[in-house]
PDB file of all heavy atoms in Angstrom:
ATOM      1  N   VAL A   1       5.336   6.187 -98.976  1.00  0.00           N
ATOM      2  CA  VAL A   1       4.223   5.756 -98.114  1.00  0.00           C
ATOM      3  C   VAL A   1       3.071   6.768 -98.203  1.00  0.00           C
ATOM      4  O   VAL A   1       1.885   6.352 -98.303  1.00  0.00           O
ATOM      5  CB  VAL A   1       4.705   5.589 -96.629  1.00  0.00           C
ATOM      6  CG1 VAL A   1       3.503   5.364 -95.726  1.00  0.00           C
ATOM      7  CG2 VAL A   1       5.699   4.429 -96.536  1.00  0.00           C
ATOM      8  N   ARG A   2       3.359   8.051 -98.162  1.00  0.00           N
ATOM      9  CA  ARG A   2       2.325   9.098 -98.281  1.00  0.00           C
ATOM     10  C   ARG A   2       1.557   8.917 -99.607  1.00  0.00           C
ATOM     11  O   ARG A   2       0.321   8.978 -99.631  1.00  0.00           O
ATOM     12  CB  ARG A   2       2.907  10.439 -98.190  1.00  0.00           C
ATOM     13  CG  ARG A   2       1.891  11.581 -98.191  1.00  0.00           C
ATOM     14  CD  ARG A   2       2.505  12.973 -98.187  1.00  0.00           C
ATOM     15  NE  ARG A   2       3.529  13.140 -99.194  1.00  0.00           N
ATOM     16  CZ  ARG A   2       3.251  13.413-100.474  1.00  0.00           C
ATOM     17  NH1 ARG A   2       2.077  13.491-100.886  1.00  0.00           N
ATOM     18  NH2 ARG A   2       4.277  13.568-101.313  1.00  0.00           N
ATOM     19  N   GLU A   3       2.283   8.723-100.672  1.00  0.00           N
ATOM     20  CA  GLU A   3       1.652   8.531-102.011  1.00  0.00           C
ATOM     21  C   GLU A   3       0.812   7.266-102.043  1.00  0.00           C
ATOM     22  O   GLU A   3      -0.284   7.198-102.580  1.00  0.00           O
ATOM     23  CB  GLU A   3       2.658   8.508-103.118  1.00  0.00           C
ATOM     24  CG  GLU A   3       3.312   9.876-103.341  1.00  0.00           C
ATOM     25  CD  GLU A   3       4.524   9.828-104.242  1.00  0.00           C
ATOM     26  OE1 GLU A   3       4.772   8.733-104.829  1.00  0.00           O
ATOM     27  OE2 GLU A   3       5.230  10.858-104.357  1.00  0.00           O
ATOM     28  N   ALA A   4       1.283   6.202-101.364  1.00  0.00           N
ATOM     29  CA  ALA A   4       0.570   4.918-101.342  1.00  0.00           C
ATOM     30  C   ALA A   4      -0.726   5.023-100.590  1.00  0.00           C
ATOM     31  O   ALA A   4      -1.757   4.538-100.972  1.00  0.00           O
ATOM     32  CB  ALA A   4       1.454   3.805-100.793  1.00  0.00           C
ATOM     33  N   LEU A   5      -0.652   5.801 -99.443  1.00  0.00           N
ATOM     34  CA  LEU A   5      -1.920   6.020 -98.647  1.00  0.00           C
ATOM     35  C   LEU A   5      -2.853   6.880 -99.402  1.00  0.00           C
ATOM     36  O   LEU A   5      -4.088   6.647 -99.379  1.00  0.00           O
ATOM     37  CB  LEU A   5      -1.523   6.640 -97.306  1.00  0.00           C
ATOM     38  CG  LEU A   5      -0.849   5.715 -96.275  1.00  0.00           C
ATOM     39  CD1 LEU A   5      -0.330   6.518 -95.124  1.00  0.00           C
ATOM     40  CD2 LEU A   5      -1.807   4.605 -95.830  1.00  0.00           C
ATOM     41  N   ALA A   6      -2.427   7.878-100.116  1.00  0.00           N
ATOM     42  CA  ALA A   6      -3.236   8.698-100.967  1.00  0.00           C
ATOM     43  C   ALA A   6      -3.882   7.844-101.995  1.00  0.00           C
ATOM     44  O   ALA A   6      -5.095   8.061-102.399  1.00  0.00           O
ATOM     45  CB  ALA A   6      -2.490   9.847-101.569  1.00  0.00           C
ATOM     46  N   GLY A   7      -3.215   6.888-102.524  1.00  0.00           N
ATOM     47  CA  GLY A   7      -3.750   5.976-103.572  1.00  0.00           C
ATOM     48  C   GLY A   7      -4.881   5.115-103.083  1.00  0.00           C
ATOM     49  O   GLY A   7      -5.680   4.655-103.915  1.00  0.00           O
ATOM     50  N   VAL A   8      -4.952   4.858-101.782  1.00  0.00           N
ATOM     51  CA  VAL A   8      -6.095   4.097-101.253  1.00  0.00           C
ATOM     52  C   VAL A   8      -7.099   5.002-100.557  1.00  0.00           C
ATOM     53  O   VAL A   8      -7.995   4.556 -99.839  1.00  0.00           O
ATOM     54  CB  VAL A   8      -5.613   2.934-100.259  1.00  0.00           C
ATOM     55  CG1 VAL A   8      -4.847   1.902-101.013  1.00  0.00           C
ATOM     56  CG2 VAL A   8      -4.825   3.520 -99.089  1.00  0.00           C
ATOM     57  N   GLY A   9      -7.011   6.298-100.798  1.00  0.00           N
ATOM     58  CA  GLY A   9      -8.028   7.240-100.353  1.00  0.00           C
ATOM     59  C   GLY A   9      -7.836   7.910 -98.981  1.00  0.00           C
ATOM     60  O   GLY A   9      -8.714   8.484 -98.434  1.00  0.00           O
ATOM     61  N   ILE A  10      -6.640   7.761 -98.458  1.00  0.00           N
ATOM     62  CA  ILE A  10      -6.371   8.366 -97.098  1.00  0.00           C
ATOM     63  C   ILE A  10      -5.603   9.695 -97.351  1.00  0.00           C
ATOM     64  O   ILE A  10      -4.511   9.715 -97.880  1.00  0.00           O
ATOM     65  CB  ILE A  10      -5.525   7.414 -96.252  1.00  0.00           C
ATOM     66  CG1 ILE A  10      -6.345   6.179 -95.956  1.00  0.00           C
ATOM     67  CG2 ILE A  10      -5.103   8.072 -94.929  1.00  0.00           C
ATOM     68  CD1 ILE A  10      -5.635   4.998 -95.387  1.00  0.00           C
ATOM     69  N   THR A  11      -6.289  10.752 -96.906  1.00  0.00           N
ATOM     70  CA  THR A  11      -5.761  12.059 -97.237  1.00  0.00           C
ATOM     71  C   THR A  11      -5.069  12.763 -96.036  1.00  0.00           C
ATOM     72  O   THR A  11      -4.234  13.608 -96.278  1.00  0.00           O
ATOM     73  CB  THR A  11      -6.903  12.993 -97.704  1.00  0.00           C
ATOM     74  OG1 THR A  11      -7.894  13.049 -96.702  1.00  0.00           O
ATOM     75  CG2 THR A  11      -7.482  12.450 -99.014  1.00  0.00           C
ATOM     76  N   GLY A  12      -5.407  12.408 -94.822  1.00  0.00           N
ATOM     77  CA  GLY A  12      -4.778  13.045 -93.681  1.00  0.00           C
ATOM     78  C   GLY A  12      -3.914  12.127 -92.885  1.00  0.00           C
ATOM     79  O   GLY A  12      -4.246  10.961 -92.682  1.00  0.00           O
ATOM     80  N   LEU A  13      -2.785  12.652 -92.443  1.00  0.00           N
ATOM     81  CA  LEU A  13      -1.899  11.883 -91.581  1.00  0.00           C
ATOM     82  C   LEU A  13      -0.978  12.767 -90.779  1.00  0.00           C
ATOM     83  O   LEU A  13      -0.874  13.961 -91.102  1.00  0.00           O
ATOM     84  CB  LEU A  13      -1.047  10.857 -92.443  1.00  0.00           C
ATOM     85  CG  LEU A  13      -0.173  11.394 -93.544  1.00  0.00           C
ATOM     86  CD1 LEU A  13       1.215  11.599 -93.104  1.00  0.00           C
ATOM     87  CD2 LEU A  13      -0.164  10.373 -94.661  1.00  0.00           C
ATOM     88  N   THR A  14      -0.455  12.212 -89.761  1.00  0.00           N
ATOM     89  CA  THR A  14       0.505  13.014 -88.874  1.00  0.00           C
ATOM     90  C   THR A  14       1.838  12.316 -88.987  1.00  0.00           C
ATOM     91  O   THR A  14       1.931  11.105 -88.911  1.00  0.00           O
ATOM     92  CB  THR A  14      -0.008  12.982 -87.461  1.00  0.00           C
ATOM     93  OG1 THR A  14      -1.306  13.568 -87.396  1.00  0.00           O
ATOM     94  CG2 THR A  14       0.921  13.739 -86.503  1.00  0.00           C
ATOM     95  N   VAL A  15       2.871  13.163 -89.156  1.00  0.00           N
ATOM     96  CA  VAL A  15       4.253  12.630 -89.260  1.00  0.00           C
ATOM     97  C   VAL A  15       5.089  13.238 -88.168  1.00  0.00           C
ATOM     98  O   VAL A  15       5.075  14.433 -87.943  1.00  0.00           O
ATOM     99  CB  VAL A  15       4.852  12.945 -90.647  1.00  0.00           C
ATOM    100  CG1 VAL A  15       6.286  12.512 -90.750  1.00  0.00           C
ATOM    101  CG2 VAL A  15       4.013  12.341 -91.774  1.00  0.00           C
ATOM    102  N   THR A  16       5.897  12.389 -87.514  1.00  0.00           N
ATOM    103  CA  THR A  16       6.787  12.808 -86.463  1.00  0.00           C
ATOM    104  C   THR A  16       8.146  12.211 -86.702  1.00  0.00           C
ATOM    105  O   THR A  16       8.263  10.996 -87.044  1.00  0.00           O
ATOM    106  CB  THR A  16       6.299  12.341 -85.060  1.00  0.00           C
ATOM    107  OG1 THR A  16       4.887  12.685 -84.934  1.00  0.00           O
ATOM    108  CG2 THR A  16       7.100  12.995 -83.954  1.00  0.00           C
ATOM    109  N   GLU A  17       9.201  13.041 -86.609  1.00  0.00           N
ATOM    110  CA  GLU A  17      10.558  12.514 -86.675  1.00  0.00           C
ATOM    111  C   GLU A  17      10.897  11.946 -85.275  1.00  0.00           C
ATOM    112  O   GLU A  17      10.812  12.644 -84.298  1.00  0.00           O
ATOM    113  CB  GLU A  17      11.570  13.614 -87.048  1.00  0.00           C
ATOM    114  CG  GLU A  17      11.337  14.101 -88.431  1.00  0.00           C
ATOM    115  CD  GLU A  17      12.346  15.175 -88.884  1.00  0.00           C
ATOM    116  OE1 GLU A  17      13.302  15.422 -88.078  1.00  0.00           O
ATOM    117  OE2 GLU A  17      12.158  15.798 -89.919  1.00  0.00           O
ATOM    118  N   VAL A  18      11.363  10.686 -85.290  1.00  0.00           N
ATOM    119  CA  VAL A  18      11.659   9.936 -84.049  1.00  0.00           C
ATOM    120  C   VAL A  18      13.017   9.273 -84.179  1.00  0.00           C
ATOM    121  O   VAL A  18      13.592   9.189 -85.243  1.00  0.00           O
ATOM    122  CB  VAL A  18      10.575   8.950 -83.643  1.00  0.00           C
ATOM    123  CG1 VAL A  18       9.238   9.653 -83.371  1.00  0.00           C
ATOM    124  CG2 VAL A  18      10.378   7.925 -84.735  1.00  0.00           C
ATOM    125  N   LYS A  19      13.522   8.806 -83.057  1.00  0.00           N
ATOM    126  CA  LYS A  19      14.756   8.027 -83.040  1.00  0.00           C
ATOM    127  C   LYS A  19      14.470   6.735 -82.224  1.00  0.00           C
ATOM    128  O   LYS A  19      13.667   6.765 -81.306  1.00  0.00           O
ATOM    129  CB  LYS A  19      15.907   8.783 -82.404  1.00  0.00           C
ATOM    130  CG  LYS A  19      16.382   9.958 -83.241  1.00  0.00           C
ATOM    131  CD  LYS A  19      17.516  10.609 -82.631  1.00  0.00           C
ATOM    132  CE  LYS A  19      17.939  11.771 -83.501  1.00  0.00           C
ATOM    133  NZ  LYS A  19      19.268  12.292 -83.125  1.00  0.00           N
ATOM    134  N   GLY A  20      15.109   5.690 -82.649  1.00  0.00           N
ATOM    135  CA  GLY A  20      14.934   4.401 -81.899  1.00  0.00           C
ATOM    136  C   GLY A  20      15.810   3.316 -82.480  1.00  0.00           C
ATOM    137  O   GLY A  20      16.566   3.537 -83.447  1.00  0.00           O
ATOM    138  N   PHE A  21      15.653   2.193 -81.912  1.00  0.00           N
ATOM    139  CA  PHE A  21      16.344   1.037 -82.423  1.00  0.00           C
ATOM    140  C   PHE A  21      15.596  -0.245 -82.065  1.00  0.00           C
ATOM    141  O   PHE A  21      14.797  -0.263 -81.113  1.00  0.00           O
ATOM    142  CB  PHE A  21      17.797   0.959 -81.959  1.00  0.00           C
ATOM    143  CG  PHE A  21      17.966   0.607 -80.494  1.00  0.00           C
ATOM    144  CD1 PHE A  21      18.066  -0.702 -80.082  1.00  0.00           C
ATOM    145  CD2 PHE A  21      17.930   1.616 -79.538  1.00  0.00           C
ATOM    146  CE1 PHE A  21      18.203  -1.002 -78.713  1.00  0.00           C
ATOM    147  CE2 PHE A  21      18.064   1.309 -78.237  1.00  0.00           C
ATOM    148  CZ  PHE A  21      18.211   0.008 -77.773  1.00  0.00           C
ATOM    149  N   GLY A  22      15.828  -1.285 -82.813  1.00  0.00           N
ATOM    150  CA  GLY A  22      15.276  -2.569 -82.561  1.00  0.00           C
ATOM    151  C   GLY A  22      16.378  -3.601 -82.805  1.00  0.00           C
ATOM    152  O   GLY A  22      17.421  -3.537 -82.169  1.00  0.00           O
ATOM    153  N   ARG A  23      16.148  -4.503 -83.731  1.00  0.00           N
ATOM    154  CA  ARG A  23      17.222  -5.478 -84.051  1.00  0.00           C
ATOM    155  C   ARG A  23      18.400  -4.862 -84.718  1.00  0.00           C
ATOM    156  O   ARG A  23      19.448  -5.408 -84.707  1.00  0.00           O
ATOM    157  CB  ARG A  23      16.628  -6.547 -84.992  1.00  0.00           C
ATOM    158  CG  ARG A  23      15.619  -7.437 -84.264  1.00  0.00           C
ATOM    159  CD  ARG A  23      15.219  -8.553 -85.133  1.00  0.00           C
ATOM    160  NE  ARG A  23      14.239  -9.393 -84.446  1.00  0.00           N
ATOM    161  CZ  ARG A  23      13.439 -10.209 -85.075  1.00  0.00           C
ATOM    162  NH1 ARG A  23      13.479 -10.319 -86.363  1.00  0.00           N
ATOM    163  NH2 ARG A  23      12.599 -10.927 -84.353  1.00  0.00           N
ATOM    164  N   GLN A  24      18.223  -3.647 -85.294  1.00  0.00           N
ATOM    165  CA  GLN A  24      19.293  -2.983 -85.999  1.00  0.00           C
ATOM    166  C   GLN A  24      20.397  -2.611 -84.978  1.00  0.00           C
ATOM    167  O   GLN A  24      21.540  -2.589 -85.337  1.00  0.00           O
ATOM    168  CB  GLN A  24      18.750  -1.676 -86.609  1.00  0.00           C
ATOM    169  CG  GLN A  24      18.954  -1.605 -88.057  1.00  0.00           C
ATOM    170  CD  GLN A  24      18.306  -0.348 -88.642  1.00  0.00           C
ATOM    171  OE1 GLN A  24      17.315   0.140 -88.151  1.00  0.00           O
ATOM    172  NE2 GLN A  24      18.860   0.122 -89.702  1.00  0.00           N
ATOM    173  N   LYS A  25      19.986  -2.221 -83.799  1.00  0.00           N
ATOM    174  CA  LYS A  25      20.937  -1.897 -82.667  1.00  0.00           C
ATOM    175  C   LYS A  25      21.973  -0.862 -82.977  1.00  0.00           C
ATOM    176  O   LYS A  25      23.018  -0.835 -82.424  1.00  0.00           O
ATOM    177  CB  LYS A  25      21.655  -3.208 -82.199  1.00  0.00           C
ATOM    178  CG  LYS A  25      20.668  -4.206 -81.658  1.00  0.00           C
ATOM    179  CD  LYS A  25      21.391  -5.222 -80.822  1.00  0.00           C
ATOM    180  CE  LYS A  25      20.353  -6.066 -80.088  1.00  0.00           C
ATOM    181  NZ  LYS A  25      20.153  -7.325 -80.488  1.00  0.00           N
ATOM    182  N   GLY A  26      21.668   0.080 -83.849  1.00  0.00           N
ATOM    183  CA  GLY A  26      22.558   1.196 -84.109  1.00  0.00           C
ATOM    184  C   GLY A  26      23.703   0.813 -84.953  1.00  0.00           C
ATOM    185  O   GLY A  26      23.787  -0.254 -85.520  1.00  0.00           O
ATOM    186  N   HIS A  27      24.729   1.689 -84.985  1.00  0.00           N
ATOM    187  CA  HIS A  27      25.908   1.429 -85.780  1.00  0.00           C
ATOM    188  C   HIS A  27      27.034   2.287 -85.273  1.00  0.00           C
ATOM    189  O   HIS A  27      26.859   3.229 -84.512  1.00  0.00           O
ATOM    190  CB  HIS A  27      25.661   1.648 -87.281  1.00  0.00           C
ATOM    191  CG  HIS A  27      25.254   3.050 -87.631  1.00  0.00           C
ATOM    192  ND1 HIS A  27      23.967   3.496 -87.461  1.00  0.00           N
ATOM    193  CD2 HIS A  27      25.974   4.124 -88.077  1.00  0.00           C
ATOM    194  CE1 HIS A  27      23.867   4.787 -87.860  1.00  0.00           C
ATOM    195  NE2 HIS A  27      25.094   5.169 -88.238  1.00  0.00           N
ATOM    196  N   THR A  28      28.242   2.066 -85.779  1.00  0.00           N
ATOM    197  CA  THR A  28      29.416   2.833 -85.375  1.00  0.00           C
ATOM    198  C   THR A  28      29.793   3.803 -86.498  1.00  0.00           C
ATOM    199  O   THR A  28      29.697   3.488 -87.701  1.00  0.00           O
ATOM    200  CB  THR A  28      30.588   1.890 -85.146  1.00  0.00           C
ATOM    201  OG1 THR A  28      30.223   0.894 -84.212  1.00  0.00           O
ATOM    202  CG2 THR A  28      31.801   2.623 -84.653  1.00  0.00           C
TER     203      THR A  28
END
């Protein structure tokens, strides 16, 4: 994703490690 954004001219971004769930609903 970072390389793809750089490819369209976007040089700055913020990245955060997060946790969550949606339809995936976790796993065992």
